[in-house]
């Protein structure tokens, strides 16, 4: 079915209540969330499977170099305006006319393209001086020219990624979840195939890992974003853009702080580790981080992408607060169930996939810390939404600034004696503090009745999963077939117990019945 033009979308599309019709029901929210989650979840699973091959094609230091390039990419994307897309979503539904809704999309896209290309071209011109600062000094194996080349590829991805995201956000705003998933899937498979060839067969290392991202973002920008602009027109309106920029400005430092929280630990780990093993530590930590982030990365982002326009469309503030509180509990519960499964299975995955002659297997030590930390991050992320609704984003600046200070201090204390495990502990402590601060601030801003009792129960079950996983891996080392069977059996039993506690201890009997009926209905339709 051909996608509809923007003119046919009502201002409150995706809203709850009478204005949004059926799309306002929880079933609609979860249906679209499931579609948005499908491709990221598949991508996460594929990325875990591909670790088996990349761990053989790329030594620890090359993986560390790629992780540092990712840090540069994510940092500059934030600096150059990624949060403008949040403003685009927030203000799209407030426009009174279809013409102004089109101008919201086109003005944000054109502004991001102009700013990002201007800055990136200047940075590319000075890449020789910037490479040692942004990525690191050359070594005997990776000379300065290689690092400069990696930086150049990374920089060129930035404006393409920003403009391609404008297209994807337009699809989310207008609830074209099927088209969104199809394009994301095609992009993912294209980049994966090209990366396998360039890294696995052509031997291009970190550069071969990054080139597919550049090609994929270019194709989506030309295809999807070009199509969106052909529907909205190239109109630029400062009248429409000005309030979006004012709303977004406090989010720029917030984005930078959050980026440092997500990626800066690699740089801190590299800085505080011994010089001889710094990149190796980053490479091992990066593997553990990818596995630990699997559940939250696959579920939280797609859920929030559809949840934002859905909750913004609820006109009654009391109803909005009630829906936000209840759906937040369900979201945290879902992420926790997936996270504890990842935690308990992580060492077995690493034992099966990682080459025995390298140190990647040691990443199991950090996975429970990362999964637990990112469950706290999910709590914080959902607690931000009342501030977005109330357009009071300024408190997020000091919350994230304090969290970043805590993270730097924790890494400085924990990394020298504990290495990459210390970086994982710092992540867990930081995100737990961030969640507490976010809930406290949001409560003051909008009086959302977050269900603290049920959320605390979910977090306790996750703590039991993390502690049980580490304890079993230290006590029942999964060495050989017998050890693997014994360890795996104990973890399966613990997994079943904890999942039962999550469902029966957090959900009421009525909610469990609704869940069972929904699953049966979905299976019947399938």
Protein backbone atom coordinates (compact mmCIF):
# COMPACT_ATOMS: atom_id res chain seq x y z
CA UNK A 1 0.00 0.00 0.00
CA UNK A 2 1.37 3.38 -0.96
CA UNK A 3 2.03 5.69 1.98
CA UNK A 4 -0.34 8.57 2.46
CA UNK A 5 0.75 12.16 1.92
CA UNK A 6 1.12 14.37 5.01
CA UNK A 7 -2.04 16.29 4.14
CA UNK A 8 -4.19 13.29 5.07
CA UNK A 9 -2.72 12.99 8.60
CA UNK A 10 -4.77 14.67 11.34
CA UNK A 11 -2.93 16.87 13.80
CA UNK A 12 -3.48 14.41 16.60
CA UNK A 13 -2.68 11.23 14.73
CA UNK A 14 -1.58 8.65 17.22
CA UNK A 15 -3.33 10.38 20.06
CA UNK A 16 -5.20 8.69 22.79
CA UNK A 17 -8.74 9.46 23.59
CA UNK A 18 -11.49 10.53 21.29
CA UNK A 19 -9.34 12.51 18.90
CA UNK A 20 -7.10 9.59 18.07
CA UNK A 21 -9.80 6.92 17.81
CA UNK A 22 -8.53 3.37 17.88
CA UNK A 23 -4.92 4.50 17.64
CA UNK A 24 -5.22 5.86 21.16
CA UNK A 25 -5.77 2.45 22.73
CA UNK A 26 -2.95 0.66 24.46
CA UNK A 27 -3.27 -2.13 21.91
CA UNK A 28 -2.42 0.32 19.14
CA UNK A 29 0.57 1.64 21.07
CA UNK A 30 1.98 -1.83 21.67
CA UNK A 31 1.21 -2.98 18.13
CA UNK A 32 3.21 -0.13 16.58
CA UNK A 33 5.93 -0.57 19.22
CA UNK A 34 6.20 -4.25 18.31
CA UNK A 35 6.64 -3.37 14.64
CA UNK A 36 9.26 -0.73 15.41
CA UNK A 37 11.05 -3.17 17.73
CA UNK A 38 11.15 -6.05 15.25
CA UNK A 39 14.01 -4.78 13.07
CA UNK A 40 16.18 -3.42 15.93
CA UNK A 41 15.69 -6.69 17.80
CA UNK A 42 16.63 -8.68 14.70
CA UNK A 43 19.60 -6.38 14.22
CA UNK A 44 20.77 -6.92 17.79
CA UNK A 45 20.52 -10.68 17.41
CA UNK A 46 22.43 -10.56 14.12
CA UNK A 47 25.08 -8.31 15.67
CA UNK A 48 25.59 -10.84 18.47
CA UNK A 49 25.88 -13.67 15.95
CA UNK A 50 28.31 -11.63 13.86
CA UNK A 51 30.55 -11.14 16.88
CA UNK A 52 31.61 -14.74 16.25
CA UNK A 53 33.10 -13.68 12.92
CA UNK A 54 34.30 -10.16 13.74
CA UNK A 55 36.15 -11.49 16.80
CA UNK A 56 38.14 -13.65 14.38
CA UNK A 57 38.57 -11.03 11.67
CA UNK A 58 39.50 -8.14 13.99
CA UNK A 59 41.85 -8.22 17.00
CA UNK A 60 40.91 -6.49 20.25
CA UNK A 61 42.72 -3.27 19.31
CA UNK A 62 40.78 -2.90 16.04
CA UNK A 63 37.49 -3.37 17.88
CA UNK A 64 38.64 -0.72 20.32
CA UNK A 65 39.40 1.67 17.44
CA UNK A 66 35.91 1.12 16.02
CA UNK A 67 34.35 1.82 19.43
CA UNK A 68 36.26 5.10 19.71
CA UNK A 69 35.10 6.08 16.20
CA UNK A 70 31.53 5.34 17.34
CA UNK A 71 32.07 7.72 20.24
CA UNK A 72 33.11 10.52 17.86
CA UNK A 73 30.13 9.83 15.60
CA UNK A 74 27.57 9.79 18.39
CA UNK A 75 29.08 12.88 20.06
CA UNK A 76 29.04 15.08 16.98
CA UNK A 77 25.57 13.93 15.96
CA UNK A 78 24.38 15.24 19.34
CA UNK A 79 26.32 18.50 19.04
CA UNK A 80 25.04 19.21 15.54
CA UNK A 81 21.38 18.92 16.39
CA UNK A 82 20.03 15.40 16.80
CA UNK A 83 17.71 16.60 19.57
CA UNK A 84 16.03 18.93 17.08
CA UNK A 85 14.21 15.78 15.96
CA UNK A 86 12.61 15.48 19.41
CA UNK A 87 11.38 19.04 19.00
CA UNK A 88 10.10 18.19 15.53
CA UNK A 89 7.99 15.39 17.02
CA UNK A 90 6.82 17.52 19.95
CA UNK A 91 5.71 20.52 17.88
CA UNK A 92 4.31 18.71 14.85
CA UNK A 93 1.06 17.98 16.70
CA UNK A 94 0.67 21.56 17.93
CA UNK A 95 0.41 23.11 14.47
CA UNK A 96 -3.05 24.30 13.50
CA UNK A 97 -2.69 23.81 9.75
CA UNK A 98 -1.39 21.13 7.41
CA UNK A 99 0.90 23.71 5.80
CA UNK A 100 2.64 24.42 9.11
CA UNK A 101 2.98 20.73 9.85
CA UNK A 102 4.76 20.34 6.53
CA UNK A 103 6.97 23.32 7.40
CA UNK A 104 7.95 21.68 10.71
CA UNK A 105 9.34 18.68 8.81
CA UNK A 106 11.02 20.59 5.99
CA UNK A 107 12.46 23.36 8.19
CA UNK A 108 14.04 20.90 10.63
CA UNK A 109 15.47 18.79 7.80
CA UNK A 110 16.95 21.74 5.91
CA UNK A 111 18.37 23.29 9.10
CA UNK A 112 20.07 20.06 10.14
CA UNK A 113 21.52 19.51 6.68
CA UNK A 114 22.90 23.05 6.39
CA UNK A 115 24.48 23.16 9.86
CA UNK A 116 25.92 19.64 9.85
CA UNK A 117 27.47 19.79 6.37
CA UNK A 118 29.07 23.17 7.08
CA UNK A 119 30.66 22.01 10.34
CA UNK A 120 31.70 18.58 9.07
CA UNK A 121 33.49 19.91 6.00
CA UNK A 122 35.51 22.24 8.23
CA UNK A 123 36.40 19.34 10.56
CA UNK A 124 37.44 17.15 7.63
CA UNK A 125 39.83 19.86 6.49
CA UNK A 126 41.54 19.76 9.91
CA UNK A 127 41.39 15.98 10.42
CA UNK A 128 45.17 15.67 10.77
CA UNK A 129 45.17 17.84 13.89
CA UNK A 130 41.88 16.50 15.24
CA UNK A 131 42.54 12.76 14.92
CA UNK A 132 44.89 12.47 17.95
CA UNK A 133 42.39 14.44 20.07
CA UNK A 134 39.16 12.74 18.98
CA UNK A 135 40.36 9.15 18.53
CA UNK A 136 43.95 8.76 19.70
CA UNK A 137 47.61 8.76 18.77
CA UNK A 138 48.97 6.44 16.11
CA UNK A 139 50.72 3.24 17.15
CA UNK A 140 53.16 0.87 15.51
CA UNK A 141 50.23 -1.10 14.11
CA UNK A 142 47.84 1.76 13.37
CA UNK A 143 49.73 4.73 12.05
CA UNK A 144 48.40 8.28 12.13
CA UNK A 145 47.23 8.11 8.49
CA UNK A 146 44.93 5.14 9.29
CA UNK A 147 43.44 6.96 12.26
CA UNK A 148 42.90 10.09 10.15
CA UNK A 149 41.15 8.00 7.52
CA UNK A 150 38.88 6.44 10.14
CA UNK A 151 38.05 9.93 11.44
CA UNK A 152 37.27 11.21 7.94
CA UNK A 153 34.82 8.39 7.21
CA UNK A 154 33.19 8.91 10.60
CA UNK A 155 32.76 12.63 10.01
CA UNK A 156 31.14 12.18 6.61
CA UNK A 157 28.55 9.85 8.11
CA UNK A 158 27.25 12.57 10.47
CA UNK A 159 25.25 14.87 8.14
CA UNK A 160 23.90 11.90 6.22
CA UNK A 161 22.74 10.24 9.42
CA UNK A 162 21.03 13.39 10.67
CA UNK A 163 19.09 13.90 7.45
CA UNK A 164 18.17 10.23 7.10
CA UNK A 165 16.79 10.32 10.65
CA UNK A 166 14.50 13.19 9.61
CA UNK A 167 12.89 10.79 7.17
CA UNK A 168 12.54 8.04 9.76
CA UNK A 169 11.03 10.43 12.32
CA UNK A 170 8.48 11.53 9.74
CA UNK A 171 7.41 7.91 9.31
CA UNK A 172 7.10 7.55 13.09
CA UNK A 173 5.07 10.75 13.45
CA UNK A 174 2.63 9.62 10.78
CA UNK A 175 2.59 6.02 12.11
CA UNK A 176 3.87 4.37 8.93
CA UNK A 177 5.40 1.61 11.01
CA UNK A 178 5.38 -0.98 8.22
CA UNK A 179 7.29 1.24 5.80
CA UNK A 180 9.67 2.26 8.59
CA UNK A 181 10.46 -1.37 9.40
CA UNK A 182 10.91 -2.32 5.73
CA UNK A 183 13.42 0.47 5.05
CA UNK A 184 15.32 -0.22 8.27
CA UNK A 185 15.53 -3.91 7.41
CA UNK A 186 16.80 -3.23 3.89
CA UNK A 187 19.38 -0.78 5.23
CA UNK A 188 20.56 -3.20 7.90
CA UNK A 189 20.98 -6.10 5.47
CA UNK A 190 22.78 -3.93 2.93
CA UNK A 191 25.27 -2.64 5.52
CA UNK A 192 25.78 -6.11 6.97
CA UNK A 193 26.53 -7.71 3.60
CA UNK A 194 28.94 -4.96 2.60
CA UNK A 195 30.67 -5.11 6.00
CA UNK A 196 31.15 -8.87 5.77
CA UNK A 197 32.82 -8.45 2.40
CA UNK A 198 35.03 -5.48 3.33
CA UNK A 199 36.16 -6.80 6.72
CA UNK A 200 35.99 -10.57 6.32
CA UNK A 201 37.13 -11.02 2.73
CA UNK A 202 38.86 -7.80 1.65
CA UNK A 203 40.61 -7.31 5.02
CA UNK A 204 39.98 -3.57 5.32
CA UNK A 205 39.69 -3.64 9.14
CA UNK A 206 38.18 -0.59 10.89
CA UNK A 207 37.75 1.32 7.62
CA UNK A 208 35.85 -1.59 6.11
CA UNK A 209 33.65 -1.66 9.20
CA UNK A 210 32.71 2.02 8.76
CA UNK A 211 32.30 2.33 4.98
CA UNK A 212 28.96 0.42 4.95
CA UNK A 213 27.49 2.91 7.43
CA UNK A 214 28.45 5.76 5.12
CA UNK A 215 26.91 4.04 2.10
CA UNK A 216 23.72 3.03 3.94
CA UNK A 217 23.05 6.53 5.32
CA UNK A 218 23.68 8.07 1.88
CA UNK A 219 21.14 5.78 0.22
CA UNK A 220 18.47 6.44 2.86
CA UNK A 221 19.04 10.20 2.67
CA UNK A 222 18.66 10.22 -1.10
CA UNK A 223 15.69 7.85 -1.12
CA UNK A 224 13.60 8.32 2.03
CA UNK A 225 14.44 11.89 3.02
CA UNK A 226 14.26 12.98 -0.61
CA UNK A 227 10.79 11.43 -0.83
CA UNK A 228 9.68 13.16 2.39
CA UNK A 229 10.81 16.57 1.14
CA UNK A 230 9.05 15.97 -2.16
CA UNK A 231 5.82 15.53 -0.15
CA UNK A 232 6.33 18.43 2.26
CA UNK A 233 8.10 20.82 -0.11
CA UNK A 234 11.32 22.70 0.56
CA UNK A 235 9.68 25.46 2.54
CA UNK A 236 11.75 26.94 5.36
CA UNK A 237 10.01 28.95 8.08
CA UNK A 238 11.89 30.55 10.93
CA UNK A 239 8.53 31.33 12.54
CA UNK A 240 7.87 27.60 12.82
CA UNK A 241 11.45 26.63 13.59
CA UNK A 242 12.16 29.23 16.30
CA UNK A 243 10.09 27.63 19.13
CA UNK A 244 11.48 24.21 18.21
CA UNK A 245 15.03 25.55 18.53
CA UNK A 246 14.20 27.20 21.87
CA UNK A 247 12.75 23.92 23.12
CA UNK A 248 15.77 21.99 21.85
CA UNK A 249 18.60 24.22 23.11
CA UNK A 250 18.64 22.83 26.68
CA UNK A 251 18.68 19.34 25.16
CA UNK A 252 22.01 19.95 23.39
CA UNK A 253 24.11 19.86 26.57
CA UNK A 254 21.83 17.09 27.85
CA UNK A 255 22.56 15.08 24.71
CA UNK A 256 26.29 15.64 25.13
CA UNK A 257 26.21 14.61 28.78
CA UNK A 258 24.19 11.51 27.96
CA UNK A 259 26.49 10.64 25.12
CA UNK A 260 29.46 10.88 27.43
CA UNK A 261 27.61 8.58 29.84
CA UNK A 262 26.98 5.99 27.11
CA UNK A 263 30.27 6.14 25.23
CA UNK A 264 32.71 8.15 27.31
CA UNK A 265 33.57 5.19 29.51
CA UNK A 266 35.53 3.74 26.55
CA UNK A 267 37.69 6.87 26.48
CA UNK A 268 38.04 6.86 30.26
CA UNK A 269 38.89 3.17 30.21
CA UNK A 270 41.53 3.83 27.57
CA UNK A 271 42.88 6.75 29.62
CA UNK A 272 43.01 5.08 33.04
CA UNK A 273 44.19 1.63 31.85
CA UNK A 274 47.81 0.63 31.45
CA UNK A 275 49.21 1.93 28.15
CA UNK A 276 50.10 -1.54 26.91
CA UNK A 277 46.58 -2.94 27.30
CA UNK A 278 44.40 0.16 26.89
CA UNK A 279 42.89 -0.64 23.46
CA UNK A 280 42.59 -4.33 24.38
CA UNK A 281 40.58 -3.36 27.48
CA UNK A 282 38.34 -1.14 25.36
CA UNK A 283 37.80 -3.95 22.84
CA UNK A 284 36.83 -6.51 25.52
CA UNK A 285 34.60 -4.00 27.28
CA UNK A 286 32.95 -3.11 23.97
CA UNK A 287 31.97 -6.76 23.41
CA UNK A 288 30.44 -7.00 26.89
CA UNK A 289 28.70 -3.67 26.42
CA UNK A 290 27.10 -4.79 23.14
CA UNK A 291 25.67 -7.90 24.78
CA UNK A 292 24.60 -6.05 27.93
CA UNK A 293 22.87 -3.33 25.92
CA UNK A 294 21.06 -5.88 23.73
CA UNK A 295 17.67 -5.90 25.47
CA UNK A 296 17.35 -2.21 26.26
CA UNK A 297 18.73 -1.15 22.90
CA UNK A 298 16.28 -3.35 21.01
CA UNK A 299 13.17 -2.53 23.06
CA UNK A 300 13.42 0.93 24.63
CA UNK A 301 14.22 3.03 21.56
CA UNK A 302 11.43 1.74 19.30
CA UNK A 303 8.94 1.84 22.18
CA UNK A 304 9.74 5.47 23.02
CA UNK A 305 9.63 6.47 19.35
CA UNK A 306 5.96 5.58 19.11
CA UNK A 307 5.16 6.37 22.76
CA UNK A 308 6.16 10.05 22.42
CA UNK A 309 3.65 10.98 19.68
CA UNK A 310 1.04 8.72 21.30
CA UNK A 311 1.24 10.37 24.73
CA UNK A 312 1.63 13.92 23.34
CA UNK A 313 -1.72 13.52 21.63
CA UNK A 314 -3.62 12.93 24.90
CA UNK A 315 -5.35 16.24 25.59
CA UNK A 316 -6.52 15.62 29.18
CA UNK A 317 -3.57 16.14 31.55
CA UNK A 318 -4.86 13.83 34.29
CA UNK A 319 -5.49 11.02 31.81
CA UNK A 320 -2.09 11.67 30.28
CA UNK A 321 -0.37 11.29 33.66
CA UNK A 322 -2.21 8.05 34.46
CA UNK A 323 -1.41 6.49 31.08
CA UNK A 324 2.23 7.57 31.33
CA UNK A 325 2.63 5.96 34.76
CA UNK A 326 0.96 2.67 33.84
CA UNK A 327 2.63 2.24 30.45
CA UNK A 328 6.03 3.09 31.97
CA UNK A 329 5.64 0.18 34.39
CA UNK A 330 4.77 -2.19 31.55
CA UNK A 331 7.74 -0.96 29.50
CA UNK A 332 10.20 -1.41 32.38
CA UNK A 333 8.78 -4.87 33.11
CA UNK A 334 9.22 -5.97 29.49
CA UNK A 335 12.80 -4.71 29.30
CA UNK A 336 13.63 -6.38 32.62
CA UNK A 337 12.34 -9.76 31.44
CA UNK A 338 14.51 -9.59 28.33
CA UNK A 339 17.49 -8.23 30.29
CA UNK A 340 17.58 -11.01 32.87
CA UNK A 341 17.56 -13.60 30.06
CA UNK A 342 20.52 -11.84 28.43
CA UNK A 343 22.33 -11.65 31.77
CA UNK A 344 21.98 -15.34 32.54
CA UNK A 345 22.90 -16.48 29.02
CA UNK A 346 25.81 -14.10 28.42
CA UNK A 347 28.74 -16.33 29.44
CA UNK A 348 27.42 -19.26 27.44
CA UNK A 349 27.07 -17.04 24.37
CA UNK A 350 30.63 -15.79 24.76
CA UNK A 351 32.03 -19.28 25.36
CA UNK A 352 30.39 -20.53 22.18
CA UNK A 353 31.17 -17.55 19.95
CA UNK A 354 34.50 -16.08 20.96
CA UNK A 355 37.84 -17.53 19.76
CA UNK A 356 39.64 -19.37 22.56
CA UNK A 357 42.99 -17.74 21.78
CA UNK A 358 41.74 -14.23 22.58
CA UNK A 359 40.53 -12.43 25.68
CA UNK A 360 37.02 -11.58 24.48
CA UNK A 361 35.46 -14.30 26.68
CA UNK A 362 36.38 -12.25 29.76
CA UNK A 363 33.63 -9.82 28.77
CA UNK A 364 31.14 -12.03 30.68
CA UNK A 365 32.26 -10.32 33.87
CA UNK A 366 30.81 -6.98 32.80
CA UNK A 367 27.54 -8.06 31.12
CA UNK A 368 25.41 -8.29 34.34
CA UNK A 369 26.58 -4.80 35.30
CA UNK A 370 25.65 -3.34 31.93
CA UNK A 371 22.23 -5.04 31.71
CA UNK A 372 21.35 -3.88 35.23
CA UNK A 373 22.65 -0.39 34.53
CA UNK A 374 20.59 -0.08 31.39
CA UNK A 375 17.43 -1.14 33.17
CA UNK A 376 17.99 1.89 35.43
CA UNK A 377 18.59 3.89 32.25
CA UNK A 378 15.17 2.78 30.95
CA UNK A 379 13.60 4.02 34.19
CA UNK A 380 15.31 7.37 33.78
CA UNK A 381 14.43 7.64 30.08
CA UNK A 382 10.74 7.15 30.76
CA UNK A 383 10.89 9.56 33.70
CA UNK A 384 12.01 12.34 31.31
CA UNK A 385 8.74 12.31 29.38
CA UNK A 386 6.79 14.51 31.88
CA UNK A 387 9.44 17.19 31.46
CA UNK A 388 9.06 17.03 27.67
CA UNK A 389 5.28 17.27 28.00
CA UNK A 390 5.53 20.27 30.32
CA UNK A 391 8.28 21.80 28.09
CA UNK A 392 10.52 22.07 31.17
CA UNK A 393 13.69 20.51 29.84
CA UNK A 394 16.13 22.76 31.72
CA UNK A 395 16.36 20.47 34.83
CA UNK A 396 17.70 17.72 32.61
CA UNK A 397 20.90 19.75 32.19
CA UNK A 398 21.95 19.66 35.83
CA UNK A 399 20.73 16.08 36.34
CA UNK A 400 22.91 14.79 33.52
CA UNK A 401 25.83 17.07 34.40
CA UNK A 402 25.94 15.65 37.94
CA UNK A 403 25.62 12.11 36.58
CA UNK A 404 28.54 12.69 34.24
CA UNK A 405 30.66 14.02 37.09
CA UNK A 406 29.82 10.91 39.11
CA UNK A 407 30.69 8.70 36.14
CA UNK A 408 34.10 10.29 35.60
CA UNK A 409 34.93 10.06 39.29
CA UNK A 410 33.78 6.44 39.52
CA UNK A 411 35.86 5.46 36.48
CA UNK A 412 38.90 7.23 37.91
CA UNK A 413 38.58 5.25 41.14
CA UNK A 414 37.45 1.85 39.79
CA UNK A 415 39.26 1.39 36.46
CA UNK A 416 42.90 1.35 37.72
CA UNK A 417 42.34 -1.60 40.10
CA UNK A 418 39.53 -3.41 38.22
CA UNK A 419 40.05 -2.57 34.54
CA UNK A 420 36.99 -2.91 32.32
CA UNK A 421 34.95 -4.36 35.20
CA UNK A 422 35.47 -1.06 37.00
CA UNK A 423 34.03 0.76 33.99
CA UNK A 424 30.96 -1.50 34.17
CA UNK A 425 30.50 -0.77 37.88
CA UNK A 426 30.77 2.96 37.16
CA UNK A 427 28.02 2.63 34.53
CA UNK A 428 25.71 0.82 36.95
CA UNK A 429 26.23 3.36 39.76
CA UNK A 430 25.75 6.30 37.40
CA UNK A 431 22.52 5.08 35.80
CA UNK A 432 21.02 4.11 39.18
CA UNK A 433 21.66 7.66 40.44
CA UNK A 434 20.30 9.11 37.21
CA UNK A 435 17.06 7.11 37.51
CA UNK A 436 16.48 8.32 41.07
CA UNK A 437 17.10 11.96 40.12
CA UNK A 438 14.89 11.69 37.02
CA UNK A 439 11.93 10.26 38.93
CA UNK A 440 12.23 12.90 41.66
CA UNK A 441 12.40 15.79 39.18
CA UNK A 442 9.57 14.53 36.99
CA UNK A 443 7.33 14.03 40.00
CA UNK A 444 7.75 17.70 40.85
CA UNK A 445 7.14 18.82 37.24
CA UNK A 446 3.91 16.97 36.43
CA UNK A 447 2.81 14.86 39.43
CA UNK A 448 2.88 11.66 37.42
CA UNK A 449 1.90 8.80 39.76
CA UNK A 450 4.81 6.54 38.82
CA UNK A 451 4.30 3.12 40.37
CA UNK A 452 7.36 3.09 42.59
CA UNK A 453 6.43 -0.14 44.37
CA UNK A 454 6.12 -2.18 41.21
CA UNK A 455 9.18 -0.57 39.61
CA UNK A 456 11.22 -1.36 42.73
CA UNK A 457 10.07 -4.98 42.54
CA UNK A 458 11.26 -5.20 38.94
CA UNK A 459 14.66 -3.75 39.88
CA UNK A 460 15.06 -6.22 42.76
CA UNK A 461 14.39 -9.16 40.44
CA UNK A 462 17.00 -7.80 38.02
CA UNK A 463 19.50 -7.49 40.87
CA UNK A 464 18.84 -11.14 41.76
CA UNK A 465 19.46 -12.14 38.14
CA UNK A 466 22.76 -10.25 38.00
CA UNK A 467 23.98 -11.59 41.33
CA UNK A 468 22.85 -15.13 40.53
CA UNK A 469 24.55 -15.07 37.14
CA UNK A 470 27.90 -13.92 38.54
CA UNK A 471 27.68 -16.36 41.43
CA UNK A 472 26.93 -19.35 39.21
CA UNK A 473 29.70 -18.43 36.77
CA UNK A 474 32.20 -18.25 39.62
CA UNK A 475 30.95 -21.36 41.43
CA UNK A 476 29.95 -23.57 38.48
CA UNK A 477 32.51 -22.63 35.86
CA UNK A 478 31.02 -23.72 32.48
CA UNK A 479 34.15 -25.61 31.39
CA UNK A 480 33.68 -28.70 29.24
CA UNK A 481 30.39 -30.36 28.39
CA UNK A 482 29.54 -31.37 31.96
CA UNK A 483 30.25 -27.91 33.34
CA UNK A 484 28.27 -26.27 30.55
CA UNK A 485 25.26 -28.52 31.18
CA UNK A 486 25.37 -28.04 34.96
CA UNK A 487 25.81 -24.27 34.75
CA UNK A 488 23.20 -23.93 32.02
CA UNK A 489 20.65 -26.03 33.88
CA UNK A 490 21.06 -24.00 37.05
CA UNK A 491 20.66 -20.77 35.09
CA UNK A 492 17.56 -22.03 33.29
CA UNK A 493 15.98 -22.88 36.64
CA UNK A 494 16.89 -19.44 38.01
CA UNK A 495 15.56 -17.78 34.84
CA UNK A 496 12.21 -19.57 35.17
CA UNK A 497 11.93 -18.61 38.84
CA UNK A 498 12.74 -14.94 38.23
CA UNK A 499 10.42 -14.63 35.22
CA UNK A 500 7.63 -16.12 37.33
CA UNK A 501 8.38 -13.59 40.06
CA UNK A 502 8.24 -10.76 37.53
CA UNK A 503 4.89 -11.80 36.11
CA UNK A 504 3.13 -12.89 39.31
CA UNK A 505 4.78 -10.43 41.67
CA UNK A 506 4.41 -7.29 39.56
CA UNK A 507 1.24 -7.83 37.49
CA UNK A 508 -2.18 -8.17 39.08
CA UNK A 509 -4.42 -11.16 38.33
CA UNK A 510 -6.51 -9.00 36.00
CA UNK A 511 -3.43 -7.81 34.13
CA UNK A 512 -2.13 -11.37 33.81
CA UNK A 513 -5.48 -12.41 32.38
CA UNK A 514 -5.43 -9.55 29.88
CA UNK A 515 -1.91 -10.52 28.87
CA UNK A 516 -2.84 -14.18 28.38
CA UNK A 517 -5.88 -13.25 26.28
CA UNK A 518 -3.81 -10.89 24.14
CA UNK A 519 -1.19 -13.59 23.51
CA UNK A 520 -3.86 -16.15 22.62
CA UNK A 521 -5.55 -13.71 20.26
CA UNK A 522 -2.25 -12.84 18.60
CA UNK A 523 -1.37 -16.51 18.18
CA UNK A 524 -4.83 -17.22 16.77
CA UNK A 525 -4.44 -14.49 14.14
CA UNK A 526 -0.96 -15.78 13.29
